[in-house]
Amino acid sequence: MREGSSILVGDVLENDMKIGFALIGCSILLFPMTMNLMQEHDDVVREHERECDMEYRSLVLHIIESPDPVLCNELEQEKSQRVSYFLGSLALFMLTGVGGLVLVLPYEDSDPKQPPLGGQLR
């Protein structure tokens, strides 16, 4: 009976390793996508700043006219949509990376080492 259970444990550990490597692979693929989404969000923030921030427009661009409220509203909505996409991809990247590492890195099934009874060191 003990031999059969050790085979089962070995299969489970091997399966965990496969799933862990698959999750790490997904994490590696998600990294460039996350960086791209971060760049897209930054671009929208800069465009919103150029088009809608009166202080930026007057000090940097030397434009005194008021911004288009419809365009500013659209840019604000796009900004919030882009940050949602970025944060979602960042969360997936982190979860798949950490989950994969947890499944791949070795760990002990037994309890952590306990100090000797009576406070005696050996």
N, C-alpha and C. Protein backbone atom coordinates (compact mmCIF):
# COMPACT_ATOMS: atom_id res chain seq x y z
N MET A 1 0.82 -1.19 0.00
CA MET A 1 0.00 0.00 0.00
C MET A 1 0.87 1.26 0.00
N ARG A 2 1.95 1.23 0.74
CA ARG A 2 2.84 2.37 0.82
C ARG A 2 3.50 2.64 -0.53
N GLU A 3 3.86 1.60 -1.26
CA GLU A 3 4.50 1.78 -2.56
C GLU A 3 3.55 2.45 -3.54
N GLY A 4 2.29 2.07 -3.54
CA GLY A 4 1.30 2.68 -4.43
C GLY A 4 1.09 4.15 -4.11
N SER A 5 1.10 4.49 -2.83
CA SER A 5 0.90 5.89 -2.46
C SER A 5 2.11 6.73 -2.85
N SER A 6 3.32 6.17 -2.81
CA SER A 6 4.50 6.94 -3.21
C SER A 6 4.50 7.18 -4.72
N ILE A 7 3.98 6.23 -5.49
CA ILE A 7 3.85 6.43 -6.93
C ILE A 7 2.85 7.54 -7.21
N LEU A 8 1.75 7.55 -6.46
CA LEU A 8 0.74 8.58 -6.62
C LEU A 8 1.29 9.96 -6.26
N VAL A 9 2.06 10.04 -5.19
CA VAL A 9 2.66 11.31 -4.79
C VAL A 9 3.65 11.77 -5.86
N GLY A 10 4.42 10.85 -6.41
CA GLY A 10 5.37 11.21 -7.47
C GLY A 10 4.66 11.74 -8.70
N ASP A 11 3.53 11.16 -9.06
CA ASP A 11 2.75 11.64 -10.20
C ASP A 11 2.19 13.04 -9.94
N VAL A 12 1.73 13.25 -8.71
CA VAL A 12 1.19 14.57 -8.36
C VAL A 12 2.30 15.62 -8.42
N LEU A 13 3.48 15.31 -7.88
CA LEU A 13 4.59 16.26 -7.91
C LEU A 13 5.03 16.55 -9.34
N GLU A 14 5.06 15.52 -10.18
CA GLU A 14 5.43 15.72 -11.58
C GLU A 14 4.39 16.58 -12.29
N ASN A 15 3.13 16.35 -12.00
CA ASN A 15 2.06 17.14 -12.60
C ASN A 15 2.15 18.59 -12.12
N ASP A 16 2.45 18.80 -10.83
CA ASP A 16 2.63 20.16 -10.31
C ASP A 16 3.78 20.87 -11.03
N MET A 17 4.85 20.14 -11.29
CA MET A 17 5.99 20.74 -12.00
C MET A 17 5.58 21.18 -13.41
N LYS A 18 4.83 20.33 -14.10
CA LYS A 18 4.38 20.68 -15.46
C LYS A 18 3.49 21.92 -15.43
N ILE A 19 2.56 21.95 -14.49
CA ILE A 19 1.67 23.11 -14.37
C ILE A 19 2.49 24.35 -13.99
N GLY A 20 3.45 24.20 -13.10
CA GLY A 20 4.29 25.32 -12.70
C GLY A 20 5.08 25.90 -13.86
N PHE A 21 5.69 25.02 -14.66
CA PHE A 21 6.43 25.51 -15.82
C PHE A 21 5.51 26.16 -16.85
N ALA A 22 4.29 25.63 -17.00
CA ALA A 22 3.32 26.25 -17.91
C ALA A 22 2.94 27.64 -17.41
N LEU A 23 2.75 27.79 -16.10
CA LEU A 23 2.41 29.10 -15.55
C LEU A 23 3.56 30.09 -15.70
N ILE A 24 4.78 29.61 -15.50
CA ILE A 24 5.95 30.49 -15.69
C ILE A 24 6.05 30.90 -17.15
N GLY A 25 5.78 29.97 -18.07
CA GLY A 25 5.78 30.31 -19.50
C GLY A 25 4.73 31.36 -19.82
N CYS A 26 3.55 31.22 -19.24
CA CYS A 26 2.50 32.23 -19.45
C CYS A 26 2.93 33.58 -18.90
N SER A 27 3.59 33.55 -17.75
CA SER A 27 4.06 34.79 -17.15
C SER A 27 5.10 35.47 -18.05
N ILE A 28 5.98 34.69 -18.62
CA ILE A 28 6.99 35.25 -19.53
C ILE A 28 6.33 35.86 -20.76
N LEU A 29 5.28 35.23 -21.26
CA LEU A 29 4.56 35.78 -22.41
C LEU A 29 3.75 37.03 -22.04
N LEU A 30 3.28 37.10 -20.80
CA LEU A 30 2.50 38.25 -20.36
C LEU A 30 3.37 39.49 -20.10
N PHE A 31 4.64 39.31 -19.85
CA PHE A 31 5.50 40.45 -19.53
C PHE A 31 5.55 41.50 -20.65
N PRO A 32 5.84 41.13 -21.91
CA PRO A 32 5.87 42.17 -22.95
C PRO A 32 4.49 42.80 -23.18
N MET A 33 3.43 42.02 -23.03
CA MET A 33 2.09 42.56 -23.19
C MET A 33 1.81 43.60 -22.10
N THR A 34 2.23 43.30 -20.88
CA THR A 34 2.03 44.24 -19.77
C THR A 34 2.82 45.53 -20.01
N MET A 35 4.03 45.40 -20.50
CA MET A 35 4.84 46.59 -20.78
C MET A 35 4.21 47.42 -21.91
N ASN A 36 3.67 46.75 -22.91
CA ASN A 36 3.01 47.46 -24.01
C ASN A 36 1.77 48.20 -23.51
N LEU A 37 0.98 47.55 -22.65
CA LEU A 37 -0.21 48.21 -22.11
C LEU A 37 0.17 49.39 -21.21
N MET A 38 1.28 49.28 -20.50
CA MET A 38 1.75 50.40 -19.68
C MET A 38 2.14 51.58 -20.57
N GLN A 39 2.80 51.29 -21.68
CA GLN A 39 3.20 52.35 -22.60
C GLN A 39 1.99 53.03 -23.24
N GLU A 40 0.99 52.22 -23.61
CA GLU A 40 -0.24 52.79 -24.18
C GLU A 40 -0.94 53.69 -23.17
N HIS A 41 -0.97 53.27 -21.92
CA HIS A 41 -1.58 54.12 -20.88
C HIS A 41 -0.80 55.42 -20.72
N ASP A 42 0.51 55.34 -20.71
CA ASP A 42 1.33 56.55 -20.59
C ASP A 42 1.09 57.50 -21.77
N ASP A 43 0.94 56.94 -22.96
CA ASP A 43 0.68 57.77 -24.14
C ASP A 43 -0.65 58.51 -24.01
N VAL A 44 -1.67 57.82 -23.51
CA VAL A 44 -2.98 58.45 -23.35
C VAL A 44 -2.92 59.52 -22.27
N VAL A 45 -2.16 59.27 -21.20
CA VAL A 45 -2.01 60.27 -20.14
C VAL A 45 -1.33 61.52 -20.70
N ARG A 46 -0.31 61.33 -21.50
CA ARG A 46 0.39 62.49 -22.10
C ARG A 46 -0.53 63.26 -23.05
N GLU A 47 -1.30 62.53 -23.84
CA GLU A 47 -2.23 63.19 -24.76
C GLU A 47 -3.29 63.97 -23.98
N HIS A 48 -3.80 63.38 -22.90
CA HIS A 48 -4.77 64.07 -22.07
C HIS A 48 -4.16 65.34 -21.47
N GLU A 49 -2.93 65.24 -21.07
CA GLU A 49 -2.24 66.40 -20.51
C GLU A 49 -2.08 67.50 -21.56
N ARG A 50 -1.69 67.12 -22.77
CA ARG A 50 -1.51 68.10 -23.86
C ARG A 50 -2.82 68.76 -24.25
N GLU A 51 -3.89 67.99 -24.27
CA GLU A 51 -5.16 68.50 -24.78
C GLU A 51 -6.03 69.16 -23.71
N CYS A 52 -5.89 68.75 -22.44
CA CYS A 52 -6.87 69.17 -21.44
C CYS A 52 -6.31 69.92 -20.24
N ASP A 53 -5.06 69.78 -19.94
CA ASP A 53 -4.48 70.44 -18.77
C ASP A 53 -4.12 71.88 -19.12
N MET A 54 -4.88 72.82 -18.55
CA MET A 54 -4.68 74.23 -18.90
C MET A 54 -3.30 74.72 -18.49
N GLU A 55 -2.82 74.28 -17.35
CA GLU A 55 -1.50 74.70 -16.89
C GLU A 55 -0.40 74.24 -17.85
N TYR A 56 -0.47 72.98 -18.25
CA TYR A 56 0.52 72.42 -19.18
C TYR A 56 0.43 73.14 -20.53
N ARG A 57 -0.79 73.35 -20.99
CA ARG A 57 -0.99 74.00 -22.29
C ARG A 57 -0.43 75.42 -22.29
N SER A 58 -0.64 76.14 -21.21
CA SER A 58 -0.18 77.53 -21.20
C SER A 58 1.33 77.63 -20.96
N LEU A 59 1.88 76.80 -20.06
CA LEU A 59 3.30 76.91 -19.73
C LEU A 59 4.22 76.24 -20.75
N VAL A 60 3.83 75.08 -21.25
CA VAL A 60 4.71 74.33 -22.14
C VAL A 60 4.39 74.59 -23.61
N LEU A 61 3.11 74.51 -23.94
CA LEU A 61 2.73 74.63 -25.35
C LEU A 61 2.40 76.07 -25.76
N HIS A 62 2.26 76.97 -24.79
CA HIS A 62 1.94 78.38 -25.03
C HIS A 62 0.62 78.53 -25.79
N ILE A 63 -0.36 77.74 -25.39
CA ILE A 63 -1.70 77.81 -25.96
C ILE A 63 -2.62 78.34 -24.88
N ILE A 64 -3.40 79.37 -25.22
CA ILE A 64 -4.25 80.00 -24.22
C ILE A 64 -5.72 79.58 -24.37
N GLU A 65 -6.11 79.10 -25.51
CA GLU A 65 -7.52 78.75 -25.72
C GLU A 65 -7.94 77.56 -24.85
N SER A 66 -9.20 77.53 -24.52
CA SER A 66 -9.71 76.47 -23.64
C SER A 66 -9.82 75.15 -24.41
N PRO A 67 -9.65 74.04 -23.70
CA PRO A 67 -9.69 72.73 -24.36
C PRO A 67 -11.11 72.32 -24.76
N ASP A 68 -11.18 71.41 -25.69
CA ASP A 68 -12.45 70.87 -26.15
C ASP A 68 -12.99 69.91 -25.08
N PRO A 69 -14.16 70.20 -24.49
CA PRO A 69 -14.67 69.34 -23.41
C PRO A 69 -15.05 67.93 -23.87
N VAL A 70 -15.50 67.81 -25.10
CA VAL A 70 -15.87 66.49 -25.61
C VAL A 70 -14.62 65.62 -25.77
N LEU A 71 -13.57 66.18 -26.33
CA LEU A 71 -12.31 65.45 -26.49
C LEU A 71 -11.72 65.09 -25.13
N CYS A 72 -11.78 66.01 -24.18
CA CYS A 72 -11.24 65.74 -22.84
C CYS A 72 -12.02 64.62 -22.16
N ASN A 73 -13.32 64.59 -22.34
CA ASN A 73 -14.13 63.52 -21.76
C ASN A 73 -13.78 62.17 -22.37
N GLU A 74 -13.59 62.14 -23.69
CA GLU A 74 -13.20 60.90 -24.37
C GLU A 74 -11.82 60.43 -23.89
N LEU A 75 -10.90 61.36 -23.78
CA LEU A 75 -9.55 61.01 -23.32
C LEU A 75 -9.57 60.52 -21.88
N GLU A 76 -10.41 61.10 -21.05
CA GLU A 76 -10.53 60.66 -19.65
C GLU A 76 -11.06 59.23 -19.58
N GLN A 77 -12.06 58.93 -20.41
CA GLN A 77 -12.60 57.57 -20.45
C GLN A 77 -11.56 56.58 -20.96
N GLU A 78 -10.82 56.97 -21.99
CA GLU A 78 -9.78 56.09 -22.53
C GLU A 78 -8.67 55.86 -21.51
N LYS A 79 -8.35 56.91 -20.75
CA LYS A 79 -7.34 56.79 -19.71
C LYS A 79 -7.75 55.76 -18.66
N SER A 80 -8.99 55.82 -18.22
CA SER A 80 -9.45 54.86 -17.21
C SER A 80 -9.54 53.45 -17.78
N GLN A 81 -9.89 53.32 -19.04
CA GLN A 81 -9.94 52.00 -19.68
C GLN A 81 -8.54 51.41 -19.81
N ARG A 82 -7.59 52.23 -20.21
CA ARG A 82 -6.20 51.75 -20.37
C ARG A 82 -5.58 51.34 -19.04
N VAL A 83 -5.87 52.07 -17.97
CA VAL A 83 -5.30 51.71 -16.68
C VAL A 83 -5.93 50.40 -16.19
N SER A 84 -7.19 50.16 -16.52
CA SER A 84 -7.83 48.89 -16.14
C SER A 84 -7.16 47.73 -16.87
N TYR A 85 -6.91 47.90 -18.16
CA TYR A 85 -6.24 46.84 -18.93
C TYR A 85 -4.85 46.57 -18.37
N PHE A 86 -4.11 47.65 -18.09
CA PHE A 86 -2.76 47.49 -17.58
C PHE A 86 -2.75 46.78 -16.23
N LEU A 87 -3.60 47.21 -15.31
CA LEU A 87 -3.63 46.59 -13.98
C LEU A 87 -4.08 45.13 -14.04
N GLY A 88 -5.01 44.82 -14.95
CA GLY A 88 -5.42 43.43 -15.12
C GLY A 88 -4.29 42.56 -15.63
N SER A 89 -3.57 43.05 -16.63
CA SER A 89 -2.45 42.26 -17.16
C SER A 89 -1.32 42.16 -16.15
N LEU A 90 -1.11 43.20 -15.35
CA LEU A 90 -0.09 43.15 -14.31
C LEU A 90 -0.45 42.12 -13.24
N ALA A 91 -1.73 42.08 -12.87
CA ALA A 91 -2.18 41.09 -11.89
C ALA A 91 -2.00 39.67 -12.42
N LEU A 92 -2.36 39.45 -13.69
CA LEU A 92 -2.17 38.13 -14.29
C LEU A 92 -0.70 37.75 -14.35
N PHE A 93 0.15 38.70 -14.72
CA PHE A 93 1.59 38.45 -14.77
C PHE A 93 2.12 38.03 -13.41
N MET A 94 1.72 38.76 -12.37
CA MET A 94 2.20 38.46 -11.02
C MET A 94 1.66 37.11 -10.54
N LEU A 95 0.38 36.86 -10.74
CA LEU A 95 -0.22 35.61 -10.26
C LEU A 95 0.35 34.39 -10.96
N THR A 96 0.52 34.46 -12.27
CA THR A 96 1.07 33.30 -12.98
C THR A 96 2.53 33.09 -12.61
N GLY A 97 3.29 34.17 -12.45
CA GLY A 97 4.70 34.03 -12.08
C GLY A 97 4.88 33.44 -10.70
N VAL A 98 4.18 33.99 -9.73
CA VAL A 98 4.31 33.51 -8.35
C VAL A 98 3.73 32.10 -8.23
N GLY A 99 2.58 31.88 -8.84
CA GLY A 99 1.98 30.54 -8.80
C GLY A 99 2.87 29.49 -9.43
N GLY A 100 3.48 29.82 -10.55
CA GLY A 100 4.39 28.89 -11.19
C GLY A 100 5.62 28.60 -10.34
N LEU A 101 6.18 29.63 -9.74
CA LEU A 101 7.35 29.42 -8.88
C LEU A 101 7.00 28.58 -7.66
N VAL A 102 5.83 28.79 -7.09
CA VAL A 102 5.42 27.99 -5.94
C VAL A 102 5.32 26.52 -6.31
N LEU A 103 4.83 26.23 -7.50
CA LEU A 103 4.68 24.84 -7.92
C LEU A 103 6.00 24.21 -8.34
N VAL A 104 6.94 25.00 -8.81
CA VAL A 104 8.20 24.46 -9.33
C VAL A 104 9.26 24.31 -8.24
N LEU A 105 9.37 25.30 -7.37
CA LEU A 105 10.42 25.26 -6.35
C LEU A 105 10.17 24.13 -5.36
N PRO A 106 11.23 23.49 -4.90
CA PRO A 106 11.05 22.36 -3.97
C PRO A 106 10.55 22.82 -2.61
N TYR A 107 9.81 21.94 -1.99
CA TYR A 107 9.32 22.20 -0.65
C TYR A 107 9.21 20.88 0.10
N GLU A 108 9.20 20.96 1.42
CA GLU A 108 9.11 19.75 2.23
C GLU A 108 7.66 19.50 2.62
N ASP A 109 7.29 18.23 2.66
CA ASP A 109 5.95 17.87 3.07
C ASP A 109 5.83 17.78 4.59
N SER A 110 6.97 17.60 5.27
CA SER A 110 6.93 17.43 6.72
C SER A 110 6.86 18.78 7.42
N ASP A 111 6.62 18.71 8.73
CA ASP A 111 6.57 19.93 9.54
C ASP A 111 7.95 20.55 9.61
N PRO A 112 8.02 21.86 9.79
CA PRO A 112 9.33 22.48 9.93
C PRO A 112 10.04 21.95 11.17
N LYS A 113 11.33 22.05 11.16
CA LYS A 113 12.12 21.53 12.28
C LYS A 113 11.73 22.23 13.57
N GLN A 114 11.48 21.43 14.59
CA GLN A 114 11.11 21.94 15.90
C GLN A 114 12.35 21.93 16.80
N PRO A 115 12.46 22.89 17.70
CA PRO A 115 13.60 22.85 18.63
C PRO A 115 13.46 21.67 19.57
N PRO A 116 14.55 21.19 20.13
CA PRO A 116 14.49 20.05 21.03
C PRO A 116 13.66 20.38 22.27
N LEU A 117 13.06 19.35 22.83
CA LEU A 117 12.25 19.54 24.03
C LEU A 117 13.12 19.95 25.21
N GLY A 118 12.56 20.71 26.10
CA GLY A 118 13.29 21.11 27.28
C GLY A 118 14.26 22.24 27.04
N GLY A 119 14.30 22.84 25.88
CA GLY A 119 15.17 23.96 25.59
C GLY A 119 16.63 23.59 25.49
N GLN A 120 16.95 22.32 25.31
CA GLN A 120 18.34 21.89 25.22
C GLN A 120 18.80 21.92 23.77
N LEU A 121 19.95 22.44 23.56
CA LEU A 121 20.53 22.45 22.21
C LEU A 121 21.44 21.26 22.06
N ARG A 122 21.49 20.69 20.92
CA ARG A 122 22.35 19.52 20.68
C ARG A 122 23.54 19.90 19.87
